[in-house]
Amino acid sequence: MRRGAITEDQAVARVSFVAERQAALARPRPPMLLVVLDESCIRRRVGGEEVMRAQLDRLLEFAELPNTVLQIAPYDMGERRPFNYLMHLLTLSDLSVIAYSESQIWGHVERESPAVLPLLTAYHQLQAEALPQAASVALINEARKGTRDHD
């Protein structure tokens, strides 16, 4: 919004959409979420110190949920990081997997197994190379120390 790329109404709509998605984590039967974030997600300051601190605190809360696993893919993974864009892999109740990838200007859904299976394999490789959750939480806490009013 500050760069003029979106309007204030668009920003409000996007935040509302994310808040609705996050509400699914509090429903009686929440989904299991396995998340790997690039280290840049916790290092790149976005929205100022107060916003960044709140975001890091939210990640720490997310990691404590019984239905989540949070891992950080550290910078030193280098070229072993398989994705250069946001990737969602959704396992449906029939155990089929759908892939959804997006960039700043497009999104793409893939439902065909021959296209999805290599992405699933790449994600499992990413999980294996990423930091375990405890080390990821420690890294988030380290990044959090760079924000004001830290403990």
N, C-alpha and C. Protein backbone atom coordinates (compact mmCIF):
# COMPACT_ATOMS: atom_id res chain seq x y z
N MET A 1 0.82 -1.17 0.00
CA MET A 1 0.00 0.00 0.00
C MET A 1 0.88 1.25 0.00
N ARG A 2 1.96 1.21 0.78
CA ARG A 2 2.87 2.37 0.84
C ARG A 2 3.50 2.67 -0.51
N ARG A 3 3.71 1.63 -1.31
CA ARG A 3 4.31 1.84 -2.64
C ARG A 3 3.26 2.21 -3.68
N GLY A 4 1.99 2.19 -3.30
CA GLY A 4 0.93 2.51 -4.24
C GLY A 4 0.53 1.35 -5.13
N ALA A 5 1.00 0.13 -4.80
CA ALA A 5 0.70 -1.04 -5.62
C ALA A 5 -0.73 -1.53 -5.41
N ILE A 6 -1.28 -1.29 -4.21
CA ILE A 6 -2.66 -1.66 -3.92
C ILE A 6 -3.32 -0.52 -3.16
N THR A 7 -4.64 -0.51 -3.18
CA THR A 7 -5.39 0.52 -2.46
C THR A 7 -5.56 0.11 -1.00
N GLU A 8 -6.02 1.04 -0.19
CA GLU A 8 -6.29 0.72 1.21
C GLU A 8 -7.40 -0.33 1.32
N ASP A 9 -8.42 -0.22 0.47
CA ASP A 9 -9.50 -1.22 0.47
C ASP A 9 -8.97 -2.61 0.14
N GLN A 10 -8.06 -2.71 -0.82
CA GLN A 10 -7.46 -4.00 -1.17
C GLN A 10 -6.64 -4.55 -0.02
N ALA A 11 -5.91 -3.69 0.67
CA ALA A 11 -5.11 -4.13 1.82
C ALA A 11 -6.02 -4.65 2.93
N VAL A 12 -7.11 -3.95 3.20
CA VAL A 12 -8.06 -4.39 4.23
C VAL A 12 -8.66 -5.73 3.84
N ALA A 13 -9.01 -5.90 2.57
CA ALA A 13 -9.59 -7.17 2.11
C ALA A 13 -8.60 -8.31 2.26
N ARG A 14 -7.33 -8.07 1.95
CA ARG A 14 -6.32 -9.11 2.08
C ARG A 14 -6.10 -9.51 3.53
N VAL A 15 -6.05 -8.53 4.42
CA VAL A 15 -5.87 -8.83 5.84
C VAL A 15 -7.08 -9.60 6.36
N SER A 16 -8.27 -9.21 5.95
CA SER A 16 -9.49 -9.92 6.38
C SER A 16 -9.47 -11.36 5.89
N PHE A 17 -9.03 -11.58 4.67
CA PHE A 17 -8.96 -12.92 4.11
C PHE A 17 -8.00 -13.80 4.92
N VAL A 18 -6.85 -13.26 5.24
CA VAL A 18 -5.86 -14.02 6.03
C VAL A 18 -6.41 -14.31 7.42
N ALA A 19 -7.08 -13.33 8.02
CA ALA A 19 -7.65 -13.54 9.36
C ALA A 19 -8.70 -14.65 9.32
N GLU A 20 -9.49 -14.70 8.27
CA GLU A 20 -10.49 -15.77 8.15
C GLU A 20 -9.82 -17.13 8.01
N ARG A 21 -8.76 -17.20 7.22
CA ARG A 21 -8.03 -18.47 7.07
C ARG A 21 -7.43 -18.90 8.40
N GLN A 22 -6.86 -17.96 9.14
CA GLN A 22 -6.24 -18.30 10.42
C GLN A 22 -7.27 -18.75 11.44
N ALA A 23 -8.51 -18.30 11.30
CA ALA A 23 -9.57 -18.72 12.23
C ALA A 23 -9.79 -20.23 12.15
N ALA A 24 -9.45 -20.85 11.03
CA ALA A 24 -9.60 -22.30 10.88
C ALA A 24 -8.74 -23.04 11.91
N LEU A 25 -7.69 -22.41 12.40
CA LEU A 25 -6.81 -23.05 13.38
C LEU A 25 -7.48 -23.20 14.74
N ALA A 26 -8.55 -22.44 14.96
CA ALA A 26 -9.23 -22.48 16.26
C ALA A 26 -10.54 -23.28 16.23
N ARG A 27 -10.89 -23.82 15.09
CA ARG A 27 -12.14 -24.58 15.03
C ARG A 27 -11.98 -25.91 15.77
N PRO A 28 -13.11 -26.58 16.09
CA PRO A 28 -13.03 -27.82 16.88
C PRO A 28 -12.13 -28.90 16.27
N ARG A 29 -12.15 -29.07 14.97
CA ARG A 29 -11.27 -30.05 14.32
C ARG A 29 -10.37 -29.30 13.34
N PRO A 30 -9.32 -28.65 13.85
CA PRO A 30 -8.48 -27.84 12.97
C PRO A 30 -7.64 -28.71 12.04
N PRO A 31 -7.25 -28.14 10.91
CA PRO A 31 -6.39 -28.89 9.99
C PRO A 31 -4.98 -29.03 10.57
N MET A 32 -4.29 -30.06 10.13
CA MET A 32 -2.87 -30.22 10.47
C MET A 32 -2.09 -29.39 9.47
N LEU A 33 -1.21 -28.53 9.95
CA LEU A 33 -0.43 -27.67 9.08
C LEU A 33 1.06 -27.92 9.30
N LEU A 34 1.74 -28.27 8.23
CA LEU A 34 3.19 -28.43 8.23
C LEU A 34 3.72 -27.28 7.38
N VAL A 35 4.49 -26.40 7.98
CA VAL A 35 4.91 -25.17 7.31
C VAL A 35 6.42 -25.06 7.33
N VAL A 36 6.99 -24.75 6.17
CA VAL A 36 8.41 -24.42 6.08
C VAL A 36 8.50 -23.00 5.52
N LEU A 37 9.08 -22.10 6.29
CA LEU A 37 9.27 -20.72 5.87
C LEU A 37 10.73 -20.47 5.54
N ASP A 38 10.98 -19.69 4.52
CA ASP A 38 12.33 -19.26 4.22
C ASP A 38 12.80 -18.32 5.33
N GLU A 39 14.06 -18.36 5.67
CA GLU A 39 14.59 -17.51 6.73
C GLU A 39 14.32 -16.03 6.48
N SER A 40 14.23 -15.64 5.22
CA SER A 40 13.95 -14.23 4.90
C SER A 40 12.62 -13.77 5.50
N CYS A 41 11.70 -14.70 5.72
CA CYS A 41 10.39 -14.35 6.30
C CYS A 41 10.51 -13.82 7.72
N ILE A 42 11.54 -14.23 8.43
CA ILE A 42 11.71 -13.75 9.81
C ILE A 42 12.80 -12.68 9.91
N ARG A 43 13.57 -12.49 8.87
CA ARG A 43 14.67 -11.52 8.90
C ARG A 43 14.33 -10.20 8.22
N ARG A 44 13.57 -10.24 7.14
CA ARG A 44 13.25 -9.03 6.38
C ARG A 44 12.21 -8.22 7.14
N ARG A 45 12.56 -7.04 7.55
CA ARG A 45 11.67 -6.17 8.33
C ARG A 45 10.60 -5.59 7.41
N VAL A 46 9.35 -5.91 7.74
CA VAL A 46 8.21 -5.43 6.97
C VAL A 46 7.24 -4.76 7.92
N GLY A 47 6.83 -3.53 7.61
CA GLY A 47 5.81 -2.85 8.41
C GLY A 47 6.32 -2.16 9.65
N GLY A 48 7.63 -2.12 9.85
CA GLY A 48 8.18 -1.47 11.03
C GLY A 48 8.37 -2.44 12.18
N GLU A 49 9.02 -1.94 13.22
CA GLU A 49 9.39 -2.77 14.38
C GLU A 49 8.18 -3.38 15.08
N GLU A 50 7.14 -2.60 15.31
CA GLU A 50 5.97 -3.09 16.04
C GLU A 50 5.26 -4.19 15.27
N VAL A 51 5.10 -3.99 13.98
CA VAL A 51 4.44 -5.00 13.14
C VAL A 51 5.29 -6.26 13.07
N MET A 52 6.59 -6.09 12.91
CA MET A 52 7.47 -7.26 12.81
C MET A 52 7.46 -8.05 14.11
N ARG A 53 7.49 -7.37 15.22
CA ARG A 53 7.45 -8.06 16.52
C ARG A 53 6.15 -8.86 16.65
N ALA A 54 5.03 -8.25 16.26
CA ALA A 54 3.74 -8.95 16.34
C ALA A 54 3.74 -10.17 15.42
N GLN A 55 4.33 -10.06 14.25
CA GLN A 55 4.38 -11.19 13.32
C GLN A 55 5.23 -12.33 13.89
N LEU A 56 6.37 -11.99 14.46
CA LEU A 56 7.23 -13.02 15.05
C LEU A 56 6.56 -13.68 16.25
N ASP A 57 5.87 -12.86 17.06
CA ASP A 57 5.12 -13.41 18.19
C ASP A 57 4.05 -14.37 17.69
N ARG A 58 3.38 -14.02 16.60
CA ARG A 58 2.32 -14.88 16.04
C ARG A 58 2.91 -16.20 15.57
N LEU A 59 4.09 -16.16 14.96
CA LEU A 59 4.74 -17.41 14.53
C LEU A 59 5.07 -18.30 15.72
N LEU A 60 5.51 -17.69 16.81
CA LEU A 60 5.82 -18.47 18.02
C LEU A 60 4.54 -19.10 18.59
N GLU A 61 3.44 -18.37 18.57
CA GLU A 61 2.16 -18.93 19.02
C GLU A 61 1.73 -20.08 18.11
N PHE A 62 1.89 -19.89 16.81
CA PHE A 62 1.54 -20.91 15.82
C PHE A 62 2.32 -22.20 16.09
N ALA A 63 3.60 -22.06 16.39
CA ALA A 63 4.47 -23.22 16.62
C ALA A 63 4.05 -24.01 17.86
N GLU A 64 3.36 -23.37 18.79
CA GLU A 64 2.92 -24.05 20.02
C GLU A 64 1.63 -24.83 19.83
N LEU A 65 0.92 -24.62 18.75
CA LEU A 65 -0.34 -25.32 18.54
C LEU A 65 -0.11 -26.81 18.34
N PRO A 66 -1.02 -27.66 18.84
CA PRO A 66 -0.81 -29.11 18.73
C PRO A 66 -0.98 -29.65 17.31
N ASN A 67 -1.55 -28.87 16.43
CA ASN A 67 -1.82 -29.31 15.06
C ASN A 67 -0.90 -28.63 14.04
N THR A 68 0.24 -28.12 14.50
CA THR A 68 1.15 -27.44 13.59
C THR A 68 2.59 -27.91 13.78
N VAL A 69 3.33 -27.80 12.71
CA VAL A 69 4.79 -27.96 12.73
C VAL A 69 5.34 -26.79 11.94
N LEU A 70 6.25 -26.05 12.54
CA LEU A 70 6.84 -24.88 11.89
C LEU A 70 8.34 -25.09 11.78
N GLN A 71 8.85 -24.99 10.56
CA GLN A 71 10.28 -25.12 10.32
C GLN A 71 10.76 -23.92 9.51
N ILE A 72 12.01 -23.56 9.72
CA ILE A 72 12.64 -22.50 8.95
C ILE A 72 13.68 -23.13 8.02
N ALA A 73 13.62 -22.74 6.76
CA ALA A 73 14.64 -23.13 5.78
C ALA A 73 15.73 -22.05 5.84
N PRO A 74 16.89 -22.38 6.44
CA PRO A 74 17.91 -21.35 6.64
C PRO A 74 18.56 -20.93 5.33
N TYR A 75 19.10 -19.72 5.37
CA TYR A 75 19.80 -19.18 4.19
C TYR A 75 20.85 -20.14 3.66
N ASP A 76 21.55 -20.82 4.57
CA ASP A 76 22.66 -21.66 4.13
C ASP A 76 22.22 -22.92 3.38
N MET A 77 20.92 -23.11 3.21
CA MET A 77 20.46 -24.21 2.33
C MET A 77 20.86 -23.94 0.89
N GLY A 78 21.00 -22.63 0.58
CA GLY A 78 21.42 -22.26 -0.77
C GLY A 78 20.57 -22.87 -1.85
N GLU A 79 21.25 -23.47 -2.82
CA GLU A 79 20.57 -24.04 -3.99
C GLU A 79 19.78 -25.31 -3.66
N ARG A 80 19.93 -25.84 -2.46
CA ARG A 80 19.16 -27.03 -2.08
C ARG A 80 17.70 -26.69 -1.76
N ARG A 81 17.39 -25.41 -1.68
CA ARG A 81 15.99 -25.00 -1.46
C ARG A 81 15.25 -25.22 -2.76
N PRO A 82 14.23 -26.08 -2.76
CA PRO A 82 13.61 -26.48 -4.03
C PRO A 82 12.61 -25.49 -4.63
N PHE A 83 12.07 -24.58 -3.84
CA PHE A 83 11.04 -23.68 -4.36
C PHE A 83 11.52 -22.24 -4.33
N ASN A 84 11.17 -21.50 -5.37
CA ASN A 84 11.49 -20.08 -5.42
C ASN A 84 10.21 -19.25 -5.34
N TYR A 85 9.11 -19.89 -4.99
CA TYR A 85 7.83 -19.22 -4.91
C TYR A 85 6.99 -19.91 -3.85
N LEU A 86 5.90 -19.27 -3.47
CA LEU A 86 5.01 -19.82 -2.46
C LEU A 86 4.34 -21.08 -2.99
N MET A 87 4.38 -22.14 -2.18
CA MET A 87 3.79 -23.42 -2.58
C MET A 87 2.92 -23.94 -1.46
N HIS A 88 1.69 -24.33 -1.80
CA HIS A 88 0.78 -24.98 -0.86
C HIS A 88 0.52 -26.38 -1.39
N LEU A 89 0.64 -27.37 -0.55
CA LEU A 89 0.29 -28.74 -0.89
C LEU A 89 -0.82 -29.16 0.06
N LEU A 90 -1.97 -29.43 -0.47
CA LEU A 90 -3.15 -29.71 0.33
C LEU A 90 -3.54 -31.18 0.19
N THR A 91 -3.58 -31.90 1.29
CA THR A 91 -4.03 -33.29 1.27
C THR A 91 -5.51 -33.29 1.61
N LEU A 92 -6.32 -33.81 0.70
CA LEU A 92 -7.77 -33.85 0.87
C LEU A 92 -8.19 -35.09 1.65
N SER A 93 -9.45 -35.15 2.01
CA SER A 93 -9.95 -36.28 2.81
C SER A 93 -9.80 -37.62 2.10
N ASP A 94 -9.79 -37.62 0.76
CA ASP A 94 -9.59 -38.87 0.02
C ASP A 94 -8.11 -39.18 -0.18
N LEU A 95 -7.24 -38.40 0.47
CA LEU A 95 -5.77 -38.52 0.44
C LEU A 95 -5.15 -38.10 -0.88
N SER A 96 -5.93 -37.51 -1.78
CA SER A 96 -5.33 -36.93 -2.98
C SER A 96 -4.68 -35.60 -2.57
N VAL A 97 -3.70 -35.17 -3.36
CA VAL A 97 -2.96 -33.95 -3.05
C VAL A 97 -3.16 -32.95 -4.18
N ILE A 98 -3.43 -31.72 -3.78
CA ILE A 98 -3.55 -30.61 -4.73
C ILE A 98 -2.40 -29.65 -4.46
N ALA A 99 -1.81 -29.14 -5.50
CA ALA A 99 -0.74 -28.15 -5.36
C ALA A 99 -1.27 -26.79 -5.80
N TYR A 100 -0.94 -25.79 -5.02
CA TYR A 100 -1.29 -24.43 -5.38
C TYR A 100 -0.05 -23.59 -5.21
N SER A 101 0.36 -22.93 -6.27
CA SER A 101 1.53 -22.05 -6.20
C SER A 101 1.09 -20.66 -6.61
N GLU A 102 1.79 -19.69 -6.06
CA GLU A 102 1.43 -18.32 -6.42
C GLU A 102 2.65 -17.42 -6.38
N SER A 103 2.55 -16.39 -7.17
CA SER A 103 3.54 -15.32 -7.15
C SER A 103 2.77 -14.04 -6.88
N GLN A 104 3.41 -12.92 -7.06
CA GLN A 104 2.73 -11.65 -6.81
C GLN A 104 1.61 -11.39 -7.82
N ILE A 105 1.71 -11.99 -9.01
CA ILE A 105 0.72 -11.66 -10.04
C ILE A 105 -0.14 -12.83 -10.51
N TRP A 106 0.14 -14.06 -10.06
CA TRP A 106 -0.67 -15.19 -10.51
C TRP A 106 -0.73 -16.29 -9.48
N GLY A 107 -1.70 -17.14 -9.66
CA GLY A 107 -1.83 -18.33 -8.85
C GLY A 107 -2.18 -19.49 -9.77
N HIS A 108 -1.74 -20.69 -9.42
CA HIS A 108 -1.98 -21.85 -10.28
C HIS A 108 -2.31 -23.06 -9.41
N VAL A 109 -3.40 -23.75 -9.75
CA VAL A 109 -3.79 -24.98 -9.07
C VAL A 109 -3.48 -26.16 -9.97
N GLU A 110 -2.87 -27.18 -9.39
CA GLU A 110 -2.56 -28.41 -10.13
C GLU A 110 -3.18 -29.58 -9.39
N ARG A 111 -3.99 -30.36 -10.09
CA ARG A 111 -4.68 -31.49 -9.47
C ARG A 111 -4.21 -32.83 -10.00
N GLU A 112 -3.48 -32.85 -11.05
CA GLU A 112 -3.06 -34.10 -11.68
C GLU A 112 -1.83 -34.67 -10.98
N SER A 113 -1.91 -35.93 -10.58
CA SER A 113 -0.83 -36.57 -9.83
C SER A 113 0.53 -36.48 -10.51
N PRO A 114 0.63 -36.69 -11.83
CA PRO A 114 1.97 -36.61 -12.44
C PRO A 114 2.65 -35.25 -12.25
N ALA A 115 1.88 -34.20 -12.12
CA ALA A 115 2.46 -32.87 -11.89
C ALA A 115 2.67 -32.59 -10.41
N VAL A 116 1.81 -33.16 -9.55
CA VAL A 116 1.86 -32.89 -8.12
C VAL A 116 2.93 -33.71 -7.40
N LEU A 117 3.12 -34.96 -7.80
CA LEU A 117 4.06 -35.83 -7.09
C LEU A 117 5.48 -35.29 -7.02
N PRO A 118 6.05 -34.72 -8.10
CA PRO A 118 7.40 -34.15 -7.96
C PRO A 118 7.44 -32.96 -6.98
N LEU A 119 6.35 -32.22 -6.89
CA LEU A 119 6.29 -31.11 -5.93
C LEU A 119 6.23 -31.64 -4.51
N LEU A 120 5.49 -32.72 -4.31
CA LEU A 120 5.41 -33.34 -2.99
C LEU A 120 6.78 -33.89 -2.58
N THR A 121 7.46 -34.50 -3.51
CA THR A 121 8.82 -35.00 -3.24
C THR A 121 9.75 -33.85 -2.87
N ALA A 122 9.68 -32.76 -3.62
CA ALA A 122 10.52 -31.59 -3.34
C ALA A 122 10.21 -31.02 -1.96
N TYR A 123 8.93 -31.01 -1.59
CA TYR A 123 8.55 -30.50 -0.27
C TYR A 123 9.12 -31.39 0.84
N HIS A 124 9.04 -32.69 0.66
CA HIS A 124 9.61 -33.59 1.67
C HIS A 124 11.12 -33.40 1.79
N GLN A 125 11.79 -33.15 0.67
CA GLN A 125 13.23 -32.86 0.72
C GLN A 125 13.48 -31.55 1.46
N LEU A 126 12.62 -30.56 1.23
CA LEU A 126 12.73 -29.28 1.93
C LEU A 126 12.57 -29.48 3.44
N GLN A 127 11.57 -30.26 3.84
CA GLN A 127 11.37 -30.54 5.26
C GLN A 127 12.60 -31.20 5.87
N ALA A 128 13.20 -32.12 5.15
CA ALA A 128 14.36 -32.84 5.66
C ALA A 128 15.56 -31.91 5.84
N GLU A 129 15.70 -30.92 4.97
CA GLU A 129 16.84 -30.00 5.01
C GLU A 129 16.62 -28.83 5.95
N ALA A 130 15.35 -28.48 6.21
CA ALA A 130 15.03 -27.33 7.06
C ALA A 130 15.37 -27.63 8.51
N LEU A 131 15.45 -26.57 9.30
CA LEU A 131 15.72 -26.74 10.73
C LEU A 131 14.54 -27.44 11.40
N PRO A 132 14.79 -28.27 12.40
CA PRO A 132 13.69 -28.84 13.18
C PRO A 132 12.91 -27.72 13.88
N GLN A 133 11.71 -28.03 14.36
CA GLN A 133 10.88 -26.99 14.96
C GLN A 133 11.57 -26.29 16.13
N ALA A 134 12.20 -27.02 17.02
CA ALA A 134 12.84 -26.39 18.19
C ALA A 134 13.92 -25.40 17.75
N ALA A 135 14.73 -25.77 16.78
CA ALA A 135 15.76 -24.87 16.27
C ALA A 135 15.14 -23.69 15.52
N SER A 136 14.03 -23.95 14.85
CA SER A 136 13.32 -22.88 14.13
C SER A 136 12.77 -21.86 15.11
N VAL A 137 12.18 -22.33 16.21
CA VAL A 137 11.66 -21.44 17.25
C VAL A 137 12.81 -20.62 17.85
N ALA A 138 13.94 -21.26 18.07
CA ALA A 138 15.10 -20.53 18.60
C ALA A 138 15.54 -19.43 17.63
N LEU A 139 15.51 -19.72 16.33
CA LEU A 139 15.90 -18.73 15.33
C LEU A 139 14.89 -17.57 15.30
N ILE A 140 13.61 -17.88 15.44
CA ILE A 140 12.58 -16.82 15.49
C ILE A 140 12.81 -15.96 16.73
N ASN A 141 13.11 -16.59 17.86
CA ASN A 141 13.39 -15.82 19.07
C ASN A 141 14.62 -14.93 18.89
N GLU A 142 15.62 -15.43 18.19
CA GLU A 142 16.81 -14.63 17.90
C GLU A 142 16.44 -13.42 17.05
N ALA A 143 15.62 -13.64 16.02
CA ALA A 143 15.19 -12.53 15.16
C ALA A 143 14.33 -11.55 15.96
N ARG A 144 13.56 -12.06 16.88
CA ARG A 144 12.69 -11.24 17.72
C ARG A 144 13.50 -10.28 18.57
N LYS A 145 14.70 -10.67 18.98
CA LYS A 145 15.56 -9.81 19.79
C LYS A 145 15.94 -8.54 19.04
N GLY A 146 15.83 -8.56 17.72
CA GLY A 146 16.14 -7.38 16.93
C GLY A 146 14.99 -6.40 16.86
N THR A 147 13.87 -6.72 17.49
CA THR A 147 12.73 -5.79 17.53
C THR A 147 12.72 -5.09 18.87
N ARG A 148 12.14 -3.93 18.93
CA ARG A 148 12.07 -3.17 20.18
C ARG A 148 11.14 -3.85 21.17
N ASP A 149 11.32 -3.49 22.43
CA ASP A 149 10.48 -3.98 23.52
C ASP A 149 10.53 -5.50 23.66
N HIS A 150 11.67 -6.10 23.29
CA HIS A 150 11.76 -7.55 23.47
C HIS A 150 12.01 -7.87 24.93
N ASP A 151 11.70 -9.11 25.24
CA ASP A 151 11.84 -9.58 26.64
C ASP A 151 13.30 -9.70 27.01
